[in-house]
Amino acid sequence: MSVSRPAMADPNSGPVSIPGPIAGRQEVRCAVRFPLSLPVVLSSMSGELSASTRNVSASGVLFELDEELEVGQDIRFSLRMPGEVLGSSHDVLVECEGRVVRCSISNIQYLAAATIDDYRFCEQ
């Protein structure tokens, strides 16, 4: 099963506007973020890279990693989502495809934000 442009937010609530770090700039989020630290391997044309998630939503992920990612870079990754987050009695493996939309350094690690353009639930 493959799904494009998923949404977990309440469909009746509409987009959430959150003040950005720069005065006058706002970031619009359409999906609820879950603060999850999950191990992940990112795959791209340039190889594989270990990372962990900082937060996850139906439309994107924030990764913590040791190397910088190029904005616009296509990536693939799999997440083992905890059942309690999904309302399931067991964990679910989700294979995702997306692209890097932002990358910055925070202390000693890079933070890379990526969209989830497509995902599929894997049989367990």
N, C-alpha and C. Protein backbone atom coordinates (compact mmCIF):
# COMPACT_ATOMS: atom_id res chain seq x y z
N MET A 1 0.84 -1.17 0.00
CA MET A 1 0.00 0.00 0.00
C MET A 1 0.88 1.23 0.00
N SER A 2 0.67 2.14 -0.91
CA SER A 2 1.46 3.35 -1.01
C SER A 2 0.53 4.55 -0.89
N VAL A 3 0.94 5.55 -0.11
CA VAL A 3 0.11 6.71 0.15
C VAL A 3 0.93 7.96 -0.10
N SER A 4 0.38 8.95 -0.77
CA SER A 4 1.08 10.20 -1.00
C SER A 4 0.49 11.32 -0.17
N ARG A 5 1.35 12.20 0.30
CA ARG A 5 0.97 13.38 1.08
C ARG A 5 0.00 13.05 2.20
N PRO A 6 0.44 12.25 3.19
CA PRO A 6 -0.42 11.87 4.31
C PRO A 6 -0.65 13.04 5.26
N ALA A 7 -1.67 12.93 6.10
CA ALA A 7 -1.93 13.95 7.11
C ALA A 7 -2.46 13.29 8.36
N MET A 8 -1.86 13.62 9.52
CA MET A 8 -2.32 13.07 10.79
C MET A 8 -3.09 14.10 11.60
N ALA A 9 -2.99 15.34 11.23
CA ALA A 9 -3.65 16.39 12.01
C ALA A 9 -5.16 16.27 11.90
N ASP A 10 -5.85 16.84 12.86
CA ASP A 10 -7.30 16.86 12.83
C ASP A 10 -7.74 17.60 11.57
N PRO A 11 -8.49 16.95 10.65
CA PRO A 11 -8.85 17.57 9.39
C PRO A 11 -9.74 18.80 9.56
N ASN A 12 -10.37 18.95 10.71
CA ASN A 12 -11.23 20.10 10.95
C ASN A 12 -10.48 21.30 11.52
N SER A 13 -9.21 21.07 11.92
CA SER A 13 -8.48 22.15 12.57
C SER A 13 -7.73 23.05 11.58
N GLY A 14 -7.40 22.56 10.39
CA GLY A 14 -6.67 23.34 9.41
C GLY A 14 -5.20 23.47 9.78
N PRO A 15 -4.41 24.20 8.97
CA PRO A 15 -2.98 24.36 9.25
C PRO A 15 -2.73 25.08 10.56
N VAL A 16 -1.62 24.77 11.19
CA VAL A 16 -1.21 25.42 12.43
C VAL A 16 -0.10 26.39 12.10
N SER A 17 -0.23 27.63 12.49
CA SER A 17 0.79 28.64 12.24
C SER A 17 1.65 28.78 13.48
N ILE A 18 2.96 28.60 13.29
CA ILE A 18 3.90 28.64 14.41
C ILE A 18 4.94 29.70 14.13
N PRO A 19 5.20 30.61 15.07
CA PRO A 19 6.21 31.64 14.83
C PRO A 19 7.57 31.03 14.56
N GLY A 20 8.26 31.55 13.55
CA GLY A 20 9.60 31.07 13.21
C GLY A 20 10.66 31.81 13.98
N PRO A 21 11.94 31.41 13.80
CA PRO A 21 13.03 32.02 14.53
C PRO A 21 13.37 33.43 14.07
N ILE A 22 12.91 33.82 12.88
CA ILE A 22 13.21 35.14 12.34
C ILE A 22 11.95 35.99 12.48
N ALA A 23 12.09 37.20 13.00
CA ALA A 23 10.95 38.08 13.21
C ALA A 23 10.15 38.24 11.92
N GLY A 24 8.84 38.13 12.03
CA GLY A 24 7.97 38.31 10.88
C GLY A 24 7.80 37.07 10.02
N ARG A 25 8.56 36.02 10.30
CA ARG A 25 8.48 34.79 9.50
C ARG A 25 7.65 33.75 10.25
N GLN A 26 6.76 33.09 9.54
CA GLN A 26 5.95 32.05 10.17
C GLN A 26 6.11 30.75 9.40
N GLU A 27 6.08 29.65 10.14
CA GLU A 27 6.13 28.32 9.55
C GLU A 27 4.74 27.72 9.68
N VAL A 28 4.22 27.15 8.61
CA VAL A 28 2.89 26.57 8.63
C VAL A 28 3.03 25.05 8.64
N ARG A 29 2.46 24.41 9.66
CA ARG A 29 2.52 22.96 9.79
C ARG A 29 1.11 22.41 9.66
N CYS A 30 0.96 21.36 8.87
CA CYS A 30 -0.36 20.76 8.65
C CYS A 30 -0.50 19.40 9.34
N ALA A 31 0.52 18.97 10.08
CA ALA A 31 0.45 17.67 10.72
C ALA A 31 1.04 17.76 12.13
N VAL A 32 0.50 16.96 13.02
CA VAL A 32 0.97 16.93 14.40
C VAL A 32 2.35 16.28 14.45
N ARG A 33 3.26 16.87 15.22
CA ARG A 33 4.60 16.30 15.39
C ARG A 33 4.67 15.50 16.67
N PHE A 34 5.34 14.34 16.58
CA PHE A 34 5.55 13.49 17.74
C PHE A 34 7.02 13.50 18.09
N PRO A 35 7.39 13.85 19.32
CA PRO A 35 8.80 13.86 19.72
C PRO A 35 9.30 12.42 19.90
N LEU A 36 9.85 11.85 18.84
CA LEU A 36 10.31 10.47 18.86
C LEU A 36 11.79 10.40 18.49
N SER A 37 12.56 9.69 19.29
CA SER A 37 13.96 9.43 18.98
C SER A 37 14.07 7.99 18.52
N LEU A 38 14.16 7.81 17.19
CA LEU A 38 14.23 6.48 16.60
C LEU A 38 15.49 6.37 15.75
N PRO A 39 16.19 5.24 15.82
CA PRO A 39 17.35 5.05 14.93
C PRO A 39 16.87 4.87 13.50
N VAL A 40 17.66 5.39 12.56
CA VAL A 40 17.27 5.30 11.15
C VAL A 40 18.53 5.33 10.29
N VAL A 41 18.46 4.67 9.14
CA VAL A 41 19.52 4.74 8.14
C VAL A 41 18.94 5.45 6.93
N LEU A 42 19.57 6.56 6.55
CA LEU A 42 19.13 7.33 5.38
C LEU A 42 19.87 6.83 4.16
N SER A 43 19.17 6.60 3.07
CA SER A 43 19.78 6.17 1.81
C SER A 43 19.54 7.26 0.78
N SER A 44 20.59 7.55 0.02
CA SER A 44 20.48 8.52 -1.06
C SER A 44 21.44 8.11 -2.18
N MET A 45 21.51 8.90 -3.22
CA MET A 45 22.42 8.61 -4.33
C MET A 45 23.88 8.60 -3.87
N SER A 46 24.17 9.31 -2.78
CA SER A 46 25.55 9.38 -2.30
C SER A 46 25.88 8.32 -1.25
N GLY A 47 24.95 7.42 -0.94
CA GLY A 47 25.23 6.33 -0.01
C GLY A 47 24.28 6.29 1.16
N GLU A 48 24.72 5.60 2.23
CA GLU A 48 23.91 5.45 3.44
C GLU A 48 24.54 6.20 4.60
N LEU A 49 23.68 6.65 5.51
CA LEU A 49 24.12 7.46 6.64
C LEU A 49 23.23 7.15 7.84
N SER A 50 23.85 6.88 8.99
CA SER A 50 23.08 6.64 10.22
C SER A 50 22.64 7.96 10.82
N ALA A 51 21.44 7.95 11.37
CA ALA A 51 20.87 9.14 12.00
C ALA A 51 19.87 8.69 13.04
N SER A 52 19.27 9.66 13.72
CA SER A 52 18.14 9.38 14.60
C SER A 52 17.12 10.49 14.39
N THR A 53 15.88 10.17 14.67
CA THR A 53 14.83 11.18 14.53
C THR A 53 14.75 12.01 15.80
N ARG A 54 14.39 13.26 15.66
CA ARG A 54 14.09 14.11 16.81
C ARG A 54 12.58 14.24 16.95
N ASN A 55 11.90 14.41 15.82
CA ASN A 55 10.45 14.40 15.81
C ASN A 55 9.95 13.91 14.46
N VAL A 56 8.73 13.39 14.46
CA VAL A 56 8.15 12.77 13.27
C VAL A 56 6.70 13.22 13.14
N SER A 57 6.29 13.53 11.92
CA SER A 57 4.88 13.79 11.63
C SER A 57 4.52 13.00 10.39
N ALA A 58 3.28 13.05 9.98
CA ALA A 58 2.86 12.34 8.78
C ALA A 58 3.46 12.97 7.53
N SER A 59 3.87 14.22 7.60
CA SER A 59 4.38 14.90 6.41
C SER A 59 5.87 15.20 6.46
N GLY A 60 6.55 14.90 7.58
CA GLY A 60 7.98 15.20 7.63
C GLY A 60 8.65 14.66 8.87
N VAL A 61 9.99 14.76 8.86
CA VAL A 61 10.83 14.25 9.94
C VAL A 61 11.98 15.23 10.17
N LEU A 62 12.38 15.36 11.45
CA LEU A 62 13.58 16.10 11.77
C LEU A 62 14.61 15.08 12.24
N PHE A 63 15.75 15.01 11.54
CA PHE A 63 16.81 14.06 11.85
C PHE A 63 17.96 14.74 12.57
N GLU A 64 18.62 14.01 13.46
CA GLU A 64 19.90 14.40 14.05
C GLU A 64 20.94 13.49 13.44
N LEU A 65 22.04 14.08 12.92
CA LEU A 65 23.06 13.28 12.28
C LEU A 65 24.42 13.96 12.35
N ASP A 66 25.46 13.21 12.02
CA ASP A 66 26.82 13.71 12.13
C ASP A 66 27.35 14.38 10.87
N GLU A 67 26.63 14.26 9.76
CA GLU A 67 27.06 14.84 8.49
C GLU A 67 25.96 15.73 7.92
N GLU A 68 26.37 16.72 7.17
CA GLU A 68 25.43 17.64 6.54
C GLU A 68 24.77 16.97 5.34
N LEU A 69 23.48 17.24 5.15
CA LEU A 69 22.75 16.79 3.98
C LEU A 69 22.48 17.99 3.08
N GLU A 70 22.46 17.75 1.79
CA GLU A 70 22.22 18.81 0.82
C GLU A 70 20.72 19.06 0.69
N VAL A 71 20.32 20.31 0.78
CA VAL A 71 18.91 20.68 0.60
C VAL A 71 18.49 20.29 -0.82
N GLY A 72 17.33 19.65 -0.92
CA GLY A 72 16.83 19.19 -2.20
C GLY A 72 17.17 17.74 -2.50
N GLN A 73 18.07 17.16 -1.70
CA GLN A 73 18.50 15.78 -1.89
C GLN A 73 17.36 14.81 -1.61
N ASP A 74 17.14 13.85 -2.51
CA ASP A 74 16.13 12.80 -2.32
C ASP A 74 16.70 11.77 -1.36
N ILE A 75 15.86 11.31 -0.41
CA ILE A 75 16.29 10.32 0.56
C ILE A 75 15.22 9.24 0.72
N ARG A 76 15.68 8.09 1.20
CA ARG A 76 14.79 6.99 1.58
C ARG A 76 15.18 6.57 2.98
N PHE A 77 14.20 6.13 3.76
CA PHE A 77 14.47 5.67 5.12
C PHE A 77 13.29 4.85 5.61
N SER A 78 13.56 4.00 6.60
CA SER A 78 12.51 3.19 7.22
C SER A 78 12.44 3.53 8.69
N LEU A 79 11.24 3.62 9.21
CA LEU A 79 11.02 3.91 10.62
C LEU A 79 10.20 2.79 11.24
N ARG A 80 10.63 2.33 12.39
CA ARG A 80 9.81 1.38 13.15
C ARG A 80 9.02 2.21 14.15
N MET A 81 7.78 2.51 13.77
CA MET A 81 6.94 3.38 14.59
C MET A 81 6.35 2.60 15.75
N PRO A 82 6.46 3.15 16.97
CA PRO A 82 5.88 2.48 18.14
C PRO A 82 4.37 2.36 18.01
N GLY A 83 3.84 1.20 18.34
CA GLY A 83 2.41 0.96 18.23
C GLY A 83 1.56 1.96 18.97
N GLU A 84 2.02 2.39 20.16
CA GLU A 84 1.21 3.33 20.95
C GLU A 84 1.04 4.68 20.25
N VAL A 85 1.99 5.07 19.40
CA VAL A 85 1.86 6.32 18.65
C VAL A 85 0.81 6.19 17.56
N LEU A 86 0.74 5.00 16.96
CA LEU A 86 -0.18 4.77 15.85
C LEU A 86 -1.53 4.19 16.28
N GLY A 87 -1.67 3.92 17.58
CA GLY A 87 -2.91 3.32 18.06
C GLY A 87 -3.01 1.84 17.69
N SER A 88 -1.85 1.19 17.61
CA SER A 88 -1.79 -0.22 17.24
C SER A 88 -1.25 -1.04 18.41
N SER A 89 -1.55 -2.33 18.40
CA SER A 89 -1.06 -3.20 19.47
C SER A 89 0.40 -3.62 19.24
N HIS A 90 0.96 -3.32 18.06
CA HIS A 90 2.35 -3.68 17.78
C HIS A 90 3.03 -2.57 16.98
N ASP A 91 4.36 -2.58 17.00
CA ASP A 91 5.14 -1.62 16.23
C ASP A 91 4.92 -1.87 14.74
N VAL A 92 5.06 -0.80 13.95
CA VAL A 92 4.84 -0.89 12.51
C VAL A 92 6.05 -0.33 11.77
N LEU A 93 6.55 -1.09 10.79
CA LEU A 93 7.65 -0.63 9.96
C LEU A 93 7.08 0.17 8.80
N VAL A 94 7.59 1.40 8.63
CA VAL A 94 7.12 2.29 7.58
C VAL A 94 8.31 2.67 6.70
N GLU A 95 8.22 2.37 5.40
CA GLU A 95 9.26 2.76 4.45
C GLU A 95 8.85 4.09 3.84
N CYS A 96 9.79 5.05 3.86
CA CYS A 96 9.48 6.42 3.44
C CYS A 96 10.41 6.90 2.33
N GLU A 97 9.89 7.77 1.50
CA GLU A 97 10.67 8.51 0.50
C GLU A 97 10.37 9.98 0.70
N GLY A 98 11.42 10.80 0.61
CA GLY A 98 11.23 12.23 0.78
C GLY A 98 12.41 13.01 0.26
N ARG A 99 12.50 14.25 0.73
CA ARG A 99 13.61 15.10 0.30
C ARG A 99 13.96 16.07 1.43
N VAL A 100 15.22 16.43 1.47
CA VAL A 100 15.73 17.33 2.49
C VAL A 100 15.28 18.76 2.15
N VAL A 101 14.68 19.44 3.13
CA VAL A 101 14.22 20.81 2.90
C VAL A 101 15.01 21.83 3.71
N ARG A 102 15.76 21.35 4.72
CA ARG A 102 16.55 22.27 5.54
C ARG A 102 17.62 21.46 6.26
N CYS A 103 18.82 22.06 6.42
CA CYS A 103 19.88 21.42 7.19
C CYS A 103 20.69 22.52 7.87
N SER A 104 20.90 22.35 9.18
CA SER A 104 21.66 23.33 9.94
C SER A 104 22.45 22.59 11.01
N ILE A 105 23.38 23.30 11.64
CA ILE A 105 24.16 22.68 12.71
C ILE A 105 23.67 23.20 14.05
N SER A 106 23.56 22.29 15.01
CA SER A 106 23.13 22.64 16.36
C SER A 106 24.11 21.98 17.32
N ASN A 107 24.87 22.77 18.03
CA ASN A 107 25.93 22.25 18.91
C ASN A 107 26.91 21.43 18.07
N ILE A 108 26.93 20.12 18.26
CA ILE A 108 27.89 19.30 17.51
C ILE A 108 27.22 18.38 16.48
N GLN A 109 25.89 18.48 16.34
CA GLN A 109 25.18 17.64 15.38
C GLN A 109 24.44 18.48 14.37
N TYR A 110 24.26 17.89 13.19
CA TYR A 110 23.43 18.52 12.17
C TYR A 110 21.97 18.15 12.42
N LEU A 111 21.09 19.08 12.09
CA LEU A 111 19.65 18.84 12.11
C LEU A 111 19.16 18.99 10.68
N ALA A 112 18.56 17.94 10.15
CA ALA A 112 18.05 17.97 8.78
C ALA A 112 16.56 17.71 8.80
N ALA A 113 15.80 18.62 8.23
CA ALA A 113 14.36 18.46 8.09
C ALA A 113 14.08 17.91 6.70
N ALA A 114 13.20 16.91 6.64
CA ALA A 114 12.86 16.31 5.36
C ALA A 114 11.35 16.11 5.27
N THR A 115 10.84 16.24 4.06
CA THR A 115 9.44 15.92 3.82
C THR A 115 9.29 14.41 3.69
N ILE A 116 8.10 13.92 3.93
CA ILE A 116 7.76 12.55 3.58
C ILE A 116 6.78 12.68 2.41
N ASP A 117 7.29 12.42 1.21
CA ASP A 117 6.45 12.55 0.01
C ASP A 117 5.65 11.30 -0.27
N ASP A 118 6.16 10.15 0.19
CA ASP A 118 5.48 8.88 -0.05
C ASP A 118 5.88 7.91 1.04
N TYR A 119 4.96 7.05 1.46
CA TYR A 119 5.32 6.02 2.45
C TYR A 119 4.46 4.79 2.23
N ARG A 120 4.93 3.68 2.78
CA ARG A 120 4.14 2.46 2.75
C ARG A 120 4.39 1.65 4.01
N PHE A 121 3.35 1.01 4.49
CA PHE A 121 3.46 0.14 5.66
C PHE A 121 3.94 -1.22 5.17
N CYS A 122 4.93 -1.77 5.86
CA CYS A 122 5.48 -3.06 5.48
C CYS A 122 4.82 -4.17 6.28
N GLU A 123 4.65 -5.31 5.66
CA GLU A 123 4.09 -6.48 6.35
C GLU A 123 5.06 -6.91 7.43
N GLN A 124 4.55 -7.38 8.55
CA GLN A 124 5.41 -7.79 9.68
C GLN A 124 5.25 -9.26 9.93
